Amino acid sequence: MKRPPRFRNRVSRDGLRATVRHKPCLCENCSSEEPVFSVGTTSERYSTGLRLDDMRISVELVPRSEAEVYADASLVRAAMPEVNAFNIPDLMRFPLRSWDACAIASKILPASIPHIRAIDIPPAGDLPMAEAILASGLSEVLVIRGDPPRDLSQQTYPNTSDDIIRRFKRHHPKLKVFAAFDPYRQSFRDELDAVARKVDAGADGFFTQPIFDLRLLEVCAEMLRGQNVFWGIAPVVGPRSRAYWETTNKIIFPRDFNPTLDWNRAFARSAIRAIGNLDANVYLMPIRVDLAKYLNGLI
């Protein structure tokens, strides 16, 4: 016998009502249930449909090489025409720097956002990548602290992301500077304090660590109320990928999480709808999956 949908309603302090419904997944050979999520308010200010008119949708690309960045950007644009930005991390294992990769991706979409690692920047003077960023016509950056490099011979510096945000805004005030938000790495109180420091340093908005639980999205939306936010969504497929996210990024997955492409696509659709109803933005992080299979028909 087919079970009826289950509903859970939560009302936040500002009247934001989140409804999570689970329905049987239609994927072949899958016994899990798809999460279906909608966001509204007690005054019904928000539409229950997906609103894309003002939403920015970014896709994170891996800067393996100039040719692959261009090919991946072109593929993303074809698979999901709704995408209107790219963001690219600065990965030390590749020789191509994030701002140079963004200069290539900007040929497909002008809005390309390089990640800047604070610990790689010398503590005095102008920012070494600023000239290349401005010369490429880029107008936004994302500043993160950065993980220590595996190569111990690589020079790093004891900067915080706040330090580099402040230097970007002092030397290049027209650049829009985003900061990172991570609800998993420390307590909510400590993360809220970090948000306040970054805003005080001049941050124009935030990119979140990918979210895997829509109840957490609701809580974090209150924490970031009034901020310009790109909410992260990342497919986690397979037990090894799940273990990586749990051990390295300290992610806590919901009980009904299933590390399959079908579950992740269903979750992404629900999350994008919820984020749209919050008048916010989204970035997709399909790092270890087939881009076309993940993105085609997602919206």
C-alpha atoms as a PDB file:
ATOM      1  CA  MET A   1       0.000   0.000   0.000  1.00  0.00           C
ATOM      2  CA  LYS A   2       1.309   3.414  -0.945  1.00  0.00           C
ATOM      3  CA  ARG A   3       2.059   5.509   2.109  1.00  0.00           C
ATOM      4  CA  PRO A   4       0.641   9.032   2.263  1.00  0.00           C
ATOM      5  CA  PRO A   5       3.103  11.943   2.207  1.00  0.00           C
ATOM      6  CA  ARG A   6       4.523  12.995   5.547  1.00  0.00           C
ATOM      7  CA  PHE A   7       4.603  16.663   6.487  1.00  0.00           C
ATOM      8  CA  ARG A   8       6.574  18.535   9.104  1.00  0.00           C
ATOM      9  CA  ASN A   9       5.944  22.221   9.708  1.00  0.00           C
ATOM     10  CA  ARG A  10       8.255  24.584  11.516  1.00  0.00           C
ATOM     11  CA  VAL A  11       7.639  28.269  12.179  1.00  0.00           C
ATOM     12  CA  SER A  12      10.587  30.564  12.839  1.00  0.00           C
ATOM     13  CA  ARG A  13      10.567  33.756  14.845  1.00  0.00           C
ATOM     14  CA  ASP A  14       9.902  35.937  11.809  1.00  0.00           C
ATOM     15  CA  GLY A  15       6.978  33.830  10.636  1.00  0.00           C
ATOM     16  CA  LEU A  16       8.907  31.829   8.044  1.00  0.00           C
ATOM     17  CA  ARG A  17       7.108  28.529   7.639  1.00  0.00           C
ATOM     18  CA  ALA A  18       8.960  25.587   6.152  1.00  0.00           C
ATOM     19  CA  THR A  19       7.153  22.451   5.043  1.00  0.00           C
ATOM     20  CA  VAL A  20       9.116  19.303   4.342  1.00  0.00           C
ATOM     21  CA  ARG A  21       7.262  16.520   2.573  1.00  0.00           C
ATOM     22  CA  HIS A  22       8.669  13.166   1.570  1.00  0.00           C
ATOM     23  CA  LYS A  23       7.293  11.281  -1.392  1.00  0.00           C
ATOM     24  CA  PRO A  24       8.378   7.940  -2.851  1.00  0.00           C
ATOM     25  CA  CYS A  25      11.314   8.359  -5.238  1.00  0.00           C
ATOM     26  CA  LEU A  26      10.515   7.403  -8.822  1.00  0.00           C
ATOM     27  CA  CYS A  27      14.093   6.456  -9.649  1.00  0.00           C
ATOM     28  CA  GLU A  28      14.683   2.957 -10.934  1.00  0.00           C
ATOM     29  CA  ASN A  29      15.840   0.487  -8.272  1.00  0.00           C
ATOM     30  CA  CYS A  30      15.590   3.112  -5.541  1.00  0.00           C
ATOM     31  CA  SER A  31      13.541   2.600  -2.378  1.00  0.00           C
ATOM     32  CA  SER A  32      14.354   5.988  -0.875  1.00  0.00           C
ATOM     33  CA  GLU A  33      12.030   8.938  -0.690  1.00  0.00           C
ATOM     34  CA  GLU A  34      12.557  12.276  -2.395  1.00  0.00           C
ATOM     35  CA  PRO A  35      12.563  15.335  -0.155  1.00  0.00           C
ATOM     36  CA  VAL A  36      10.101  17.987  -1.306  1.00  0.00           C
ATOM     37  CA  PHE A  37      10.408  21.349   0.392  1.00  0.00           C
ATOM     38  CA  SER A  38       8.492  24.595   0.161  1.00  0.00           C
ATOM     39  CA  VAL A  39       8.926  27.836   1.999  1.00  0.00           C
ATOM     40  CA  GLY A  40       6.259  30.376   2.773  1.00  0.00           C
ATOM     41  CA  THR A  41       5.237  32.801   5.484  1.00  0.00           C
ATOM     42  CA  THR A  42       2.193  33.062   7.626  1.00  0.00           C
ATOM     43  CA  SER A  43       1.171  36.080   5.556  1.00  0.00           C
ATOM     44  CA  GLU A  44       1.914  34.129   2.329  1.00  0.00           C
ATOM     45  CA  ARG A  45       4.367  36.807   1.130  1.00  0.00           C
ATOM     46  CA  TYR A  46       6.348  34.283  -0.843  1.00  0.00           C
ATOM     47  CA  SER A  47       5.210  32.481  -3.944  1.00  0.00           C
ATOM     48  CA  THR A  48       5.201  28.699  -3.782  1.00  0.00           C
ATOM     49  CA  GLY A  49       6.601  28.478  -7.323  1.00  0.00           C
ATOM     50  CA  LEU A  50      10.227  28.705  -8.387  1.00  0.00           C
ATOM     51  CA  ARG A  51      11.295  32.311  -8.894  1.00  0.00           C
ATOM     52  CA  LEU A  52      14.312  32.752 -11.155  1.00  0.00           C
ATOM     53  CA  ASP A  53      13.870  36.338 -12.338  1.00  0.00           C
ATOM     54  CA  ASP A  54      16.183  37.819  -9.708  1.00  0.00           C
ATOM     55  CA  MET A  55      18.067  34.695  -8.625  1.00  0.00           C
ATOM     56  CA  ARG A  56      21.734  34.357  -9.444  1.00  0.00           C
ATOM     57  CA  ILE A  57      22.726  30.775 -10.214  1.00  0.00           C
ATOM     58  CA  SER A  58      26.440  30.023 -10.234  1.00  0.00           C
ATOM     59  CA  VAL A  59      28.224  26.770 -11.005  1.00  0.00           C
ATOM     60  CA  GLU A  60      31.612  25.991  -9.490  1.00  0.00           C
ATOM     61  CA  LEU A  61      34.231  24.866 -12.002  1.00  0.00           C
ATOM     62  CA  VAL A  62      37.502  23.045 -11.363  1.00  0.00           C
ATOM     63  CA  PRO A  63      40.526  24.898 -12.861  1.00  0.00           C
ATOM     64  CA  ARG A  64      42.393  21.856 -14.192  1.00  0.00           C
ATOM     65  CA  SER A  65      43.578  23.639 -17.341  1.00  0.00           C
ATOM     66  CA  GLU A  66      42.596  26.520 -19.601  1.00  0.00           C
ATOM     67  CA  ALA A  67      41.080  24.167 -22.172  1.00  0.00           C
ATOM     68  CA  GLU A  68      39.050  22.246 -19.578  1.00  0.00           C
ATOM     69  CA  VAL A  69      37.743  25.419 -17.943  1.00  0.00           C
ATOM     70  CA  TYR A  70      36.486  26.688 -21.288  1.00  0.00           C
ATOM     71  CA  ALA A  71      35.000  23.289 -22.198  1.00  0.00           C
ATOM     72  CA  ASP A  72      33.277  22.890 -18.821  1.00  0.00           C
ATOM     73  CA  ALA A  73      31.914  26.446 -18.914  1.00  0.00           C
ATOM     74  CA  SER A  74      30.500  25.830 -22.388  1.00  0.00           C
ATOM     75  CA  LEU A  75      28.964  22.518 -21.297  1.00  0.00           C
ATOM     76  CA  VAL A  76      27.347  24.095 -18.233  1.00  0.00           C
ATOM     77  CA  ARG A  77      25.892  26.903 -20.318  1.00  0.00           C
ATOM     78  CA  ALA A  78      24.368  24.392 -22.741  1.00  0.00           C
ATOM     79  CA  ALA A  79      23.079  22.012 -20.043  1.00  0.00           C
ATOM     80  CA  MET A  80      21.558  24.727 -17.827  1.00  0.00           C
ATOM     81  CA  PRO A  81      20.831  28.007 -19.643  1.00  0.00           C
ATOM     82  CA  GLU A  82      19.558  29.510 -16.365  1.00  0.00           C
ATOM     83  CA  VAL A  83      23.131  29.670 -15.024  1.00  0.00           C
ATOM     84  CA  ASN A  84      24.332  33.273 -14.987  1.00  0.00           C
ATOM     85  CA  ALA A  85      27.677  33.052 -13.166  1.00  0.00           C
ATOM     86  CA  PHE A  86      30.661  30.832 -12.459  1.00  0.00           C
ATOM     87  CA  ASN A  87      32.790  30.606  -9.327  1.00  0.00           C
ATOM     88  CA  ILE A  88      36.205  28.970  -9.372  1.00  0.00           C
ATOM     89  CA  PRO A  89      38.326  27.853  -6.393  1.00  0.00           C
ATOM     90  CA  ASP A  90      42.072  28.396  -6.220  1.00  0.00           C
ATOM     91  CA  LEU A  91      43.432  24.835  -5.980  1.00  0.00           C
ATOM     92  CA  MET A  92      47.133  24.515  -5.265  1.00  0.00           C
ATOM     93  CA  ARG A  93      47.433  21.150  -7.044  1.00  0.00           C
ATOM     94  CA  PHE A  94      46.789  22.882 -10.378  1.00  0.00           C
ATOM     95  CA  PRO A  95      49.055  25.541 -11.933  1.00  0.00           C
ATOM     96  CA  LEU A  96      46.100  27.619 -13.180  1.00  0.00           C
ATOM     97  CA  ARG A  97      45.115  30.265 -10.667  1.00  0.00           C
ATOM     98  CA  SER A  98      41.447  30.971  -9.990  1.00  0.00           C
ATOM     99  CA  TRP A  99      41.470  34.544 -11.366  1.00  0.00           C
ATOM    100  CA  ASP A 100      43.131  33.394 -14.595  1.00  0.00           C
ATOM    101  CA  ALA A 101      40.557  30.597 -14.897  1.00  0.00           C
ATOM    102  CA  CYS A 102      37.779  33.141 -14.355  1.00  0.00           C
ATOM    103  CA  ALA A 103      39.179  35.274 -17.164  1.00  0.00           C
ATOM    104  CA  ILE A 104      38.641  32.257 -19.433  1.00  0.00           C
ATOM    105  CA  ALA A 105      35.189  31.414 -18.053  1.00  0.00           C
ATOM    106  CA  SER A 106      34.119  35.043 -18.466  1.00  0.00           C
ATOM    107  CA  LYS A 107      34.219  34.513 -22.228  1.00  0.00           C
ATOM    108  CA  ILE A 108      31.151  32.306 -21.704  1.00  0.00           C
ATOM    109  CA  LEU A 109      29.593  34.263 -18.827  1.00  0.00           C
ATOM    110  CA  PRO A 110      31.008  37.657 -17.769  1.00  0.00           C
ATOM    111  CA  ALA A 111      30.078  37.078 -14.129  1.00  0.00           C
ATOM    112  CA  SER A 112      32.899  34.830 -12.954  1.00  0.00           C
ATOM    113  CA  ILE A 113      33.981  34.878  -9.330  1.00  0.00           C
ATOM    114  CA  PRO A 114      37.487  33.727  -8.308  1.00  0.00           C
ATOM    115  CA  HIS A 115      38.145  32.313  -4.848  1.00  0.00           C
ATOM    116  CA  ILE A 116      41.051  34.025  -3.078  1.00  0.00           C
ATOM    117  CA  ARG A 117      43.021  32.197  -0.385  1.00  0.00           C
ATOM    118  CA  ALA A 118      43.887  34.633   2.395  1.00  0.00           C
ATOM    119  CA  ILE A 119      46.871  32.636   3.664  1.00  0.00           C
ATOM    120  CA  ASP A 120      48.649  32.926   0.291  1.00  0.00           C
ATOM    121  CA  ILE A 121      48.784  36.730   0.282  1.00  0.00           C
ATOM    122  CA  PRO A 122      51.807  38.658   1.648  1.00  0.00           C
ATOM    123  CA  PRO A 123      50.792  40.891   4.554  1.00  0.00           C
ATOM    124  CA  ALA A 124      51.943  44.218   3.096  1.00  0.00           C
ATOM    125  CA  GLY A 125      51.211  46.197  -0.034  1.00  0.00           C
ATOM    126  CA  ASP A 126      48.575  45.718  -2.701  1.00  0.00           C
ATOM    127  CA  LEU A 127      47.037  42.343  -3.409  1.00  0.00           C
ATOM    128  CA  PRO A 128      49.194  40.481  -5.957  1.00  0.00           C
ATOM    129  CA  MET A 129      46.250  39.194  -8.029  1.00  0.00           C
ATOM    130  CA  ALA A 130      44.294  42.458  -8.055  1.00  0.00           C
ATOM    131  CA  GLU A 131      45.810  43.783 -11.269  1.00  0.00           C
ATOM    132  CA  ALA A 132      44.964  40.585 -13.179  1.00  0.00           C
ATOM    133  CA  ILE A 133      41.426  40.561 -11.746  1.00  0.00           C
ATOM    134  CA  LEU A 134      40.747  44.133 -12.834  1.00  0.00           C
ATOM    135  CA  ALA A 135      42.420  43.674 -16.232  1.00  0.00           C
ATOM    136  CA  SER A 136      40.074  40.736 -16.926  1.00  0.00           C
ATOM    137  CA  GLY A 137      37.024  42.845 -16.187  1.00  0.00           C
ATOM    138  CA  LEU A 138      36.041  40.761 -13.163  1.00  0.00           C
ATOM    139  CA  SER A 139      34.016  42.605 -10.550  1.00  0.00           C
ATOM    140  CA  GLU A 140      33.581  40.068  -7.734  1.00  0.00           C
ATOM    141  CA  VAL A 141      35.796  37.853  -5.582  1.00  0.00           C
ATOM    142  CA  LEU A 142      35.222  35.331  -2.805  1.00  0.00           C
ATOM    143  CA  VAL A 143      37.752  35.468   0.036  1.00  0.00           C
ATOM    144  CA  ILE A 144      38.337  32.330   2.099  1.00  0.00           C
ATOM    145  CA  ARG A 145      41.060  31.650   4.628  1.00  0.00           C
ATOM    146  CA  GLY A 146      42.328  28.573   2.788  1.00  0.00           C
ATOM    147  CA  ASP A 147      43.648  25.213   3.948  1.00  0.00           C
ATOM    148  CA  PRO A 148      47.385  24.795   4.584  1.00  0.00           C
ATOM    149  CA  PRO A 149      49.153  23.470   1.474  1.00  0.00           C
ATOM    150  CA  ARG A 150      50.366  19.878   1.298  1.00  0.00           C
ATOM    151  CA  ASP A 151      53.671  21.176  -0.063  1.00  0.00           C
ATOM    152  CA  LEU A 152      55.329  22.598   3.050  1.00  0.00           C
ATOM    153  CA  SER A 153      57.784  24.568   0.921  1.00  0.00           C
ATOM    154  CA  GLN A 154      54.973  26.816  -0.284  1.00  0.00           C
ATOM    155  CA  GLN A 155      54.976  30.157   1.497  1.00  0.00           C
ATOM    156  CA  THR A 156      51.873  31.035   3.526  1.00  0.00           C
ATOM    157  CA  TYR A 157      51.048  33.905   5.859  1.00  0.00           C
ATOM    158  CA  PRO A 158      49.021  34.212   9.092  1.00  0.00           C
ATOM    159  CA  ASN A 159      46.200  36.229   7.515  1.00  0.00           C
ATOM    160  CA  THR A 160      42.551  35.876   8.365  1.00  0.00           C
ATOM    161  CA  SER A 161      39.909  36.259   5.705  1.00  0.00           C
ATOM    162  CA  ASP A 162      38.824  39.445   7.529  1.00  0.00           C
ATOM    163  CA  ASP A 163      42.290  40.939   6.900  1.00  0.00           C
ATOM    164  CA  ILE A 164      42.123  40.296   3.153  1.00  0.00           C
ATOM    165  CA  ILE A 165      38.507  41.426   2.815  1.00  0.00           C
ATOM    166  CA  ARG A 166      39.482  44.689   4.468  1.00  0.00           C
ATOM    167  CA  ARG A 167      42.486  45.134   2.132  1.00  0.00           C
ATOM    168  CA  PHE A 168      40.394  44.449  -0.958  1.00  0.00           C
ATOM    169  CA  LYS A 169      37.818  47.034   0.106  1.00  0.00           C
ATOM    170  CA  ARG A 170      40.503  49.575   0.994  1.00  0.00           C
ATOM    171  CA  HIS A 171      42.505  49.268  -2.231  1.00  0.00           C
ATOM    172  CA  HIS A 172      39.688  48.341  -4.622  1.00  0.00           C
ATOM    173  CA  PRO A 173      36.388  49.553  -3.169  1.00  0.00           C
ATOM    174  CA  LYS A 174      34.453  48.949  -6.403  1.00  0.00           C
ATOM    175  CA  LEU A 175      35.095  45.202  -6.236  1.00  0.00           C
ATOM    176  CA  LYS A 176      32.315  43.200  -4.636  1.00  0.00           C
ATOM    177  CA  VAL A 177      33.863  40.952  -1.995  1.00  0.00           C
ATOM    178  CA  PHE A 178      32.103  37.826  -0.727  1.00  0.00           C
ATOM    179  CA  ALA A 179      33.056  35.900   2.402  1.00  0.00           C
ATOM    180  CA  ALA A 180      32.532  32.292   3.488  1.00  0.00           C
ATOM    181  CA  PHE A 181      29.874  30.982   5.864  1.00  0.00           C
ATOM    182  CA  ASP A 182      30.239  27.485   7.330  1.00  0.00           C
ATOM    183  CA  PRO A 183      27.650  26.247   9.849  1.00  0.00           C
ATOM    184  CA  TYR A 184      29.532  22.964  10.383  1.00  0.00           C
ATOM    185  CA  ARG A 185      33.005  24.043  11.506  1.00  0.00           C
ATOM    186  CA  GLN A 186      32.104  25.623  14.839  1.00  0.00           C
ATOM    187  CA  SER A 187      29.169  26.621  17.009  1.00  0.00           C
ATOM    188  CA  PHE A 188      26.422  28.821  15.611  1.00  0.00           C
ATOM    189  CA  ARG A 189      27.431  31.572  18.063  1.00  0.00           C
ATOM    190  CA  ASP A 190      31.051  31.491  16.894  1.00  0.00           C
ATOM    191  CA  GLU A 191      29.971  31.482  13.244  1.00  0.00           C
ATOM    192  CA  LEU A 192      27.658  34.452  13.858  1.00  0.00           C
ATOM    193  CA  ASP A 193      30.582  36.299  15.440  1.00  0.00           C
ATOM    194  CA  ALA A 194      32.663  35.487  12.349  1.00  0.00           C
ATOM    195  CA  VAL A 195      29.870  36.836  10.123  1.00  0.00           C
ATOM    196  CA  ALA A 196      29.860  40.083  12.111  1.00  0.00           C
ATOM    197  CA  ARG A 197      33.642  40.458  11.762  1.00  0.00           C
ATOM    198  CA  LYS A 198      33.506  39.873   8.004  1.00  0.00           C
ATOM    199  CA  VAL A 199      30.666  42.348   7.549  1.00  0.00           C
ATOM    200  CA  ASP A 200      32.611  44.871   9.611  1.00  0.00           C
ATOM    201  CA  ALA A 201      35.637  44.267   7.341  1.00  0.00           C
ATOM    202  CA  GLY A 202      33.490  45.158   4.327  1.00  0.00           C
ATOM    203  CA  ALA A 203      32.070  41.849   3.054  1.00  0.00           C
ATOM    204  CA  ASP A 204      29.279  42.403   0.527  1.00  0.00           C
ATOM    205  CA  GLY A 205      27.746  38.954   0.968  1.00  0.00           C
ATOM    206  CA  PHE A 206      28.408  35.291   1.659  1.00  0.00           C
ATOM    207  CA  PHE A 207      28.927  31.939  -0.038  1.00  0.00           C
ATOM    208  CA  THR A 208      27.840  29.133   2.263  1.00  0.00           C
ATOM    209  CA  GLN A 209      29.340  25.713   2.697  1.00  0.00           C
ATOM    210  CA  PRO A 210      27.001  23.352   0.819  1.00  0.00           C
ATOM    211  CA  ILE A 211      23.792  22.585   2.688  1.00  0.00           C
ATOM    212  CA  PHE A 212      22.355  19.056   2.764  1.00  0.00           C
ATOM    213  CA  ASP A 213      19.411  19.517   5.121  1.00  0.00           C
ATOM    214  CA  LEU A 214      16.613  21.966   4.427  1.00  0.00           C
ATOM    215  CA  ARG A 215      15.897  22.378   8.117  1.00  0.00           C
ATOM    216  CA  LEU A 216      19.463  23.685   8.482  1.00  0.00           C
ATOM    217  CA  LEU A 217      18.824  26.018   5.552  1.00  0.00           C
ATOM    218  CA  GLU A 218      15.912  27.504   7.467  1.00  0.00           C
ATOM    219  CA  VAL A 219      18.024  28.084  10.578  1.00  0.00           C
ATOM    220  CA  CYS A 220      20.937  29.568   8.641  1.00  0.00           C
ATOM    221  CA  ALA A 221      18.584  31.829   6.677  1.00  0.00           C
ATOM    222  CA  GLU A 222      17.728  33.495   9.992  1.00  0.00           C
ATOM    223  CA  MET A 223      21.412  33.797  10.866  1.00  0.00           C
ATOM    224  CA  LEU A 224      22.163  35.485   7.523  1.00  0.00           C
ATOM    225  CA  ARG A 225      19.014  37.574   7.335  1.00  0.00           C
ATOM    226  CA  GLY A 226      19.615  40.779   5.376  1.00  0.00           C
ATOM    227  CA  GLN A 227      22.776  39.490   3.695  1.00  0.00           C
ATOM    228  CA  ASN A 228      23.386  38.794   0.001  1.00  0.00           C
ATOM    229  CA  VAL A 229      23.813  35.008   0.071  1.00  0.00           C
ATOM    230  CA  PHE A 230      24.817  32.304  -2.381  1.00  0.00           C
ATOM    231  CA  TRP A 231      23.608  29.031  -0.853  1.00  0.00           C
ATOM    232  CA  GLY A 232      25.782  26.049  -1.732  1.00  0.00           C
ATOM    233  CA  ILE A 233      24.412  22.778  -3.116  1.00  0.00           C
ATOM    234  CA  ALA A 234      26.799  19.904  -3.852  1.00  0.00           C
ATOM    235  CA  PRO A 235      26.021  16.389  -5.063  1.00  0.00           C
ATOM    236  CA  VAL A 236      27.608  13.737  -2.862  1.00  0.00           C
ATOM    237  CA  VAL A 237      27.546  10.427  -4.706  1.00  0.00           C
ATOM    238  CA  GLY A 238      28.917   7.169  -3.336  1.00  0.00           C
ATOM    239  CA  PRO A 239      30.161   6.084   0.110  1.00  0.00           C
ATOM    240  CA  ARG A 240      33.705   7.397  -0.395  1.00  0.00           C
ATOM    241  CA  SER A 241      32.434  10.860  -1.274  1.00  0.00           C
ATOM    242  CA  ARG A 242      30.128  10.819   1.737  1.00  0.00           C
ATOM    243  CA  ALA A 243      32.989   9.801   4.033  1.00  0.00           C
ATOM    244  CA  TYR A 244      35.143  12.638   2.659  1.00  0.00           C
ATOM    245  CA  TRP A 245      32.490  15.252   3.386  1.00  0.00           C
ATOM    246  CA  GLU A 246      31.867  13.860   6.870  1.00  0.00           C
ATOM    247  CA  THR A 247      35.524  13.648   7.898  1.00  0.00           C
ATOM    248  CA  THR A 248      37.048  16.645   6.094  1.00  0.00           C
ATOM    249  CA  ASN A 249      34.194  19.157   6.129  1.00  0.00           C
ATOM    250  CA  LYS A 250      32.402  17.865   9.253  1.00  0.00           C
ATOM    251  CA  ILE A 251      29.100  17.598   7.405  1.00  0.00           C
ATOM    252  CA  ILE A 252      26.146  16.050   9.212  1.00  0.00           C
ATOM    253  CA  PHE A 253      23.804  14.478   6.678  1.00  0.00           C
ATOM    254  CA  PRO A 254      20.085  14.096   7.393  1.00  0.00           C
ATOM    255  CA  ARG A 255      18.828  10.612   8.238  1.00  0.00           C
ATOM    256  CA  ASP A 256      17.104  10.190   4.881  1.00  0.00           C
ATOM    257  CA  PHE A 257      20.205  11.161   2.879  1.00  0.00           C
ATOM    258  CA  ASN A 258      21.063   8.754   0.071  1.00  0.00           C
ATOM    259  CA  PRO A 259      24.418   9.182  -1.766  1.00  0.00           C
ATOM    260  CA  THR A 260      22.934   8.687  -5.233  1.00  0.00           C
ATOM    261  CA  LEU A 261      22.703  11.084  -8.141  1.00  0.00           C
ATOM    262  CA  ASP A 262      18.912  10.796  -8.140  1.00  0.00           C
ATOM    263  CA  TRP A 263      18.580  11.760  -4.477  1.00  0.00           C
ATOM    264  CA  ASN A 264      20.984  14.661  -4.917  1.00  0.00           C
ATOM    265  CA  ARG A 265      19.119  15.981  -7.958  1.00  0.00           C
ATOM    266  CA  ALA A 266      15.801  15.761  -6.121  1.00  0.00           C
ATOM    267  CA  PHE A 267      17.295  17.581  -3.152  1.00  0.00           C
ATOM    268  CA  ALA A 268      18.803  20.259  -5.399  1.00  0.00           C
ATOM    269  CA  ARG A 269      15.433  20.948  -7.026  1.00  0.00           C
ATOM    270  CA  SER A 270      13.766  21.312  -3.639  1.00  0.00           C
ATOM    271  CA  ALA A 271      16.583  23.463  -2.278  1.00  0.00           C
ATOM    272  CA  ILE A 272      16.607  25.778  -5.295  1.00  0.00           C
ATOM    273  CA  ARG A 273      12.868  26.303  -4.873  1.00  0.00           C
ATOM    274  CA  ALA A 274      13.323  27.098  -1.182  1.00  0.00           C
ATOM    275  CA  ILE A 275      16.226  29.458  -1.878  1.00  0.00           C
ATOM    276  CA  GLY A 276      14.246  31.220  -4.591  1.00  0.00           C
ATOM    277  CA  ASN A 277      11.432  31.816  -2.141  1.00  0.00           C
ATOM    278  CA  LEU A 278      13.959  33.385   0.223  1.00  0.00           C
ATOM    279  CA  ASP A 279      14.959  35.856  -2.527  1.00  0.00           C
ATOM    280  CA  ALA A 280      18.515  34.497  -2.372  1.00  0.00           C
ATOM    281  CA  ASN A 281      21.056  33.009  -4.787  1.00  0.00           C
ATOM    282  CA  VAL A 282      22.530  29.566  -5.280  1.00  0.00           C
ATOM    283  CA  TYR A 283      25.784  28.022  -6.392  1.00  0.00           C
ATOM    284  CA  LEU A 284      26.036  24.426  -7.535  1.00  0.00           C
ATOM    285  CA  MET A 285      29.201  22.448  -6.862  1.00  0.00           C
ATOM    286  CA  PRO A 286      29.148  19.376  -9.155  1.00  0.00           C
ATOM    287  CA  ILE A 287      32.821  18.571  -8.635  1.00  0.00           C
ATOM    288  CA  ARG A 288      32.911  14.777  -8.874  1.00  0.00           C
ATOM    289  CA  VAL A 289      29.896  14.018 -11.058  1.00  0.00           C
ATOM    290  CA  ASP A 290      29.101  14.202 -14.751  1.00  0.00           C
ATOM    291  CA  LEU A 291      28.138  17.830 -15.339  1.00  0.00           C
ATOM    292  CA  ALA A 292      25.499  17.139 -17.985  1.00  0.00           C
ATOM    293  CA  LYS A 293      23.848  14.306 -16.029  1.00  0.00           C
ATOM    294  CA  TYR A 294      23.588  16.452 -12.922  1.00  0.00           C
ATOM    295  CA  LEU A 295      22.535  19.747 -14.516  1.00  0.00           C
ATOM    296  CA  ASN A 296      20.238  18.720 -17.382  1.00  0.00           C
ATOM    297  CA  GLY A 297      16.635  19.337 -16.412  1.00  0.00           C
ATOM    298  CA  LEU A 298      17.541  20.304 -12.847  1.00  0.00           C
ATOM    299  CA  ILE A 299      15.478  23.490 -13.146  1.00  0.00           C
END
